[in-house]
Amino acid sequence: MQARNNNVQEKSMSLSFILLIVLILLLIGALPSWGYSRSWGYWPSGGLGLVLLIVIILVLMGRI
């Protein structure tokens, strides 16, 4: 029973880590430094930054 519980926890941690990496990559991609995205302002990167902050807090609290 202990081994199965450990596998579930490891799988959950790896999914959280993958989600965190994807959010960081999306945040970098949404920065307004690219030519086509200069007119967007900071809204896309600000929104993704907020989502990233919420996910980091949830990971640290152990909710994800």
N, C-alpha and C. Protein backbone atom coordinates (compact mmCIF):
# COMPACT_ATOMS: atom_id res chain seq x y z
N MET A 1 0.83 -1.19 0.00
CA MET A 1 0.00 0.00 0.00
C MET A 1 0.87 1.25 0.00
N GLN A 2 1.95 1.21 0.74
CA GLN A 2 2.87 2.35 0.82
C GLN A 2 3.47 2.67 -0.55
N ALA A 3 3.87 1.63 -1.30
CA ALA A 3 4.49 1.84 -2.61
C ALA A 3 3.50 2.47 -3.59
N ARG A 4 2.25 2.04 -3.52
CA ARG A 4 1.25 2.60 -4.43
C ARG A 4 0.99 4.07 -4.10
N ASN A 5 0.92 4.40 -2.84
CA ASN A 5 0.74 5.77 -2.41
C ASN A 5 1.90 6.64 -2.86
N ASN A 6 3.10 6.09 -2.79
CA ASN A 6 4.30 6.81 -3.19
C ASN A 6 4.28 7.09 -4.69
N ASN A 7 3.83 6.11 -5.49
CA ASN A 7 3.75 6.29 -6.94
C ASN A 7 2.75 7.38 -7.31
N VAL A 8 1.63 7.42 -6.62
CA VAL A 8 0.62 8.44 -6.88
C VAL A 8 1.18 9.82 -6.56
N GLN A 9 1.90 9.93 -5.45
CA GLN A 9 2.49 11.20 -5.07
C GLN A 9 3.56 11.63 -6.07
N GLU A 10 4.39 10.70 -6.54
CA GLU A 10 5.42 11.03 -7.53
C GLU A 10 4.78 11.48 -8.84
N LYS A 11 3.72 10.82 -9.25
CA LYS A 11 3.03 11.19 -10.49
C LYS A 11 2.43 12.58 -10.36
N SER A 12 1.85 12.87 -9.21
CA SER A 12 1.27 14.18 -8.97
C SER A 12 2.34 15.26 -8.99
N MET A 13 3.49 15.00 -8.39
CA MET A 13 4.58 15.97 -8.38
C MET A 13 5.11 16.19 -9.79
N SER A 14 5.21 15.15 -10.59
CA SER A 14 5.74 15.32 -11.94
C SER A 14 4.76 16.11 -12.80
N LEU A 15 3.46 15.91 -12.62
CA LEU A 15 2.48 16.68 -13.37
C LEU A 15 2.51 18.15 -12.96
N SER A 16 2.70 18.41 -11.68
CA SER A 16 2.82 19.78 -11.22
C SER A 16 4.05 20.45 -11.80
N PHE A 17 5.14 19.72 -11.86
CA PHE A 17 6.38 20.26 -12.40
C PHE A 17 6.23 20.56 -13.89
N ILE A 18 5.58 19.68 -14.62
CA ILE A 18 5.34 19.90 -16.05
C ILE A 18 4.44 21.12 -16.25
N LEU A 19 3.41 21.25 -15.44
CA LEU A 19 2.51 22.41 -15.52
C LEU A 19 3.27 23.69 -15.25
N LEU A 20 4.15 23.68 -14.27
CA LEU A 20 4.95 24.85 -13.94
C LEU A 20 5.86 25.24 -15.09
N ILE A 21 6.51 24.27 -15.71
CA ILE A 21 7.40 24.56 -16.84
C ILE A 21 6.61 25.12 -18.02
N VAL A 22 5.45 24.55 -18.31
CA VAL A 22 4.62 25.05 -19.42
C VAL A 22 4.19 26.49 -19.15
N LEU A 23 3.80 26.80 -17.93
CA LEU A 23 3.39 28.16 -17.60
C LEU A 23 4.54 29.14 -17.73
N ILE A 24 5.74 28.74 -17.33
CA ILE A 24 6.91 29.61 -17.47
C ILE A 24 7.20 29.87 -18.94
N LEU A 25 7.12 28.84 -19.76
CA LEU A 25 7.35 29.02 -21.20
C LEU A 25 6.29 29.92 -21.83
N LEU A 26 5.04 29.78 -21.42
CA LEU A 26 3.98 30.66 -21.93
C LEU A 26 4.22 32.10 -21.50
N LEU A 27 4.69 32.28 -20.28
CA LEU A 27 4.98 33.63 -19.79
C LEU A 27 6.09 34.28 -20.60
N ILE A 28 7.14 33.53 -20.90
CA ILE A 28 8.24 34.05 -21.71
C ILE A 28 7.74 34.37 -23.12
N GLY A 29 6.92 33.51 -23.68
CA GLY A 29 6.39 33.74 -25.02
C GLY A 29 5.45 34.92 -25.11
N ALA A 30 4.83 35.29 -24.00
CA ALA A 30 3.86 36.39 -24.02
C ALA A 30 4.50 37.74 -23.71
N LEU A 31 5.79 37.78 -23.43
CA LEU A 31 6.44 39.06 -23.17
C LEU A 31 6.37 39.94 -24.42
N PRO A 32 6.14 41.23 -24.23
CA PRO A 32 5.95 42.11 -25.40
C PRO A 32 7.25 42.54 -26.07
N SER A 33 8.25 41.68 -26.09
CA SER A 33 9.51 42.03 -26.74
C SER A 33 9.54 41.61 -28.20
N TRP A 34 8.60 40.79 -28.62
CA TRP A 34 8.54 40.36 -30.01
C TRP A 34 7.87 41.44 -30.84
N GLY A 35 8.23 41.54 -32.09
CA GLY A 35 7.71 42.60 -32.95
C GLY A 35 6.21 42.61 -33.09
N TYR A 36 5.61 41.44 -33.27
CA TYR A 36 4.16 41.37 -33.50
C TYR A 36 3.36 41.58 -32.24
N SER A 37 3.98 41.46 -31.08
CA SER A 37 3.22 41.55 -29.83
C SER A 37 3.44 42.86 -29.08
N ARG A 38 4.12 43.80 -29.67
CA ARG A 38 4.38 45.07 -28.97
C ARG A 38 3.08 45.83 -28.70
N SER A 39 2.12 45.74 -29.57
CA SER A 39 0.88 46.48 -29.38
C SER A 39 -0.03 45.84 -28.33
N TRP A 40 0.28 44.64 -27.89
CA TRP A 40 -0.55 43.96 -26.89
C TRP A 40 -0.38 44.58 -25.51
N GLY A 41 0.76 45.19 -25.25
CA GLY A 41 1.05 45.72 -23.93
C GLY A 41 1.46 44.59 -22.99
N TYR A 42 1.22 44.79 -21.71
CA TYR A 42 1.64 43.80 -20.72
C TYR A 42 0.50 42.89 -20.27
N TRP A 43 -0.65 42.99 -20.88
CA TRP A 43 -1.80 42.19 -20.43
C TRP A 43 -1.56 40.68 -20.54
N PRO A 44 -1.07 40.15 -21.66
CA PRO A 44 -0.89 38.69 -21.72
C PRO A 44 0.15 38.18 -20.72
N SER A 45 1.28 38.86 -20.62
CA SER A 45 2.31 38.39 -19.70
C SER A 45 1.90 38.62 -18.25
N GLY A 46 1.15 39.69 -18.00
CA GLY A 46 0.67 39.95 -16.64
C GLY A 46 -0.33 38.89 -16.19
N GLY A 47 -1.23 38.52 -17.09
CA GLY A 47 -2.21 37.47 -16.77
C GLY A 47 -1.56 36.13 -16.54
N LEU A 48 -0.61 35.78 -17.41
CA LEU A 48 0.09 34.51 -17.22
C LEU A 48 0.96 34.54 -15.98
N GLY A 49 1.53 35.69 -15.67
CA GLY A 49 2.31 35.82 -14.44
C GLY A 49 1.46 35.59 -13.21
N LEU A 50 0.24 36.09 -13.24
CA LEU A 50 -0.69 35.88 -12.13
C LEU A 50 -1.05 34.40 -12.00
N VAL A 51 -1.33 33.75 -13.12
CA VAL A 51 -1.63 32.31 -13.09
C VAL A 51 -0.42 31.53 -12.56
N LEU A 52 0.77 31.90 -13.00
CA LEU A 52 1.99 31.24 -12.54
C LEU A 52 2.17 31.43 -11.04
N LEU A 53 1.92 32.62 -10.54
CA LEU A 53 2.03 32.89 -9.11
C LEU A 53 1.04 32.04 -8.31
N ILE A 54 -0.18 31.93 -8.79
CA ILE A 54 -1.20 31.12 -8.11
C ILE A 54 -0.78 29.65 -8.09
N VAL A 55 -0.27 29.15 -9.22
CA VAL A 55 0.16 27.75 -9.28
C VAL A 55 1.33 27.50 -8.35
N ILE A 56 2.29 28.42 -8.29
CA ILE A 56 3.44 28.26 -7.39
C ILE A 56 2.97 28.22 -5.94
N ILE A 57 2.05 29.11 -5.58
CA ILE A 57 1.52 29.11 -4.21
C ILE A 57 0.81 27.80 -3.90
N LEU A 58 0.01 27.30 -4.84
CA LEU A 58 -0.69 26.03 -4.62
C LEU A 58 0.28 24.86 -4.49
N VAL A 59 1.36 24.87 -5.29
CA VAL A 59 2.36 23.81 -5.19
C VAL A 59 3.05 23.86 -3.83
N LEU A 60 3.41 25.05 -3.38
CA LEU A 60 4.08 25.18 -2.09
C LEU A 60 3.17 24.79 -0.93
N MET A 61 1.88 25.02 -1.08
CA MET A 61 0.92 24.64 -0.04
C MET A 61 0.58 23.15 -0.09
N GLY A 62 0.97 22.48 -1.17
CA GLY A 62 0.69 21.05 -1.29
C GLY A 62 -0.68 20.74 -1.85
N ARG A 63 -1.33 21.70 -2.44
CA ARG A 63 -2.67 21.49 -3.00
C ARG A 63 -2.61 20.84 -4.37
N ILE A 64 -1.50 21.04 -5.08
CA ILE A 64 -1.35 20.44 -6.42
C ILE A 64 -0.25 19.42 -6.33
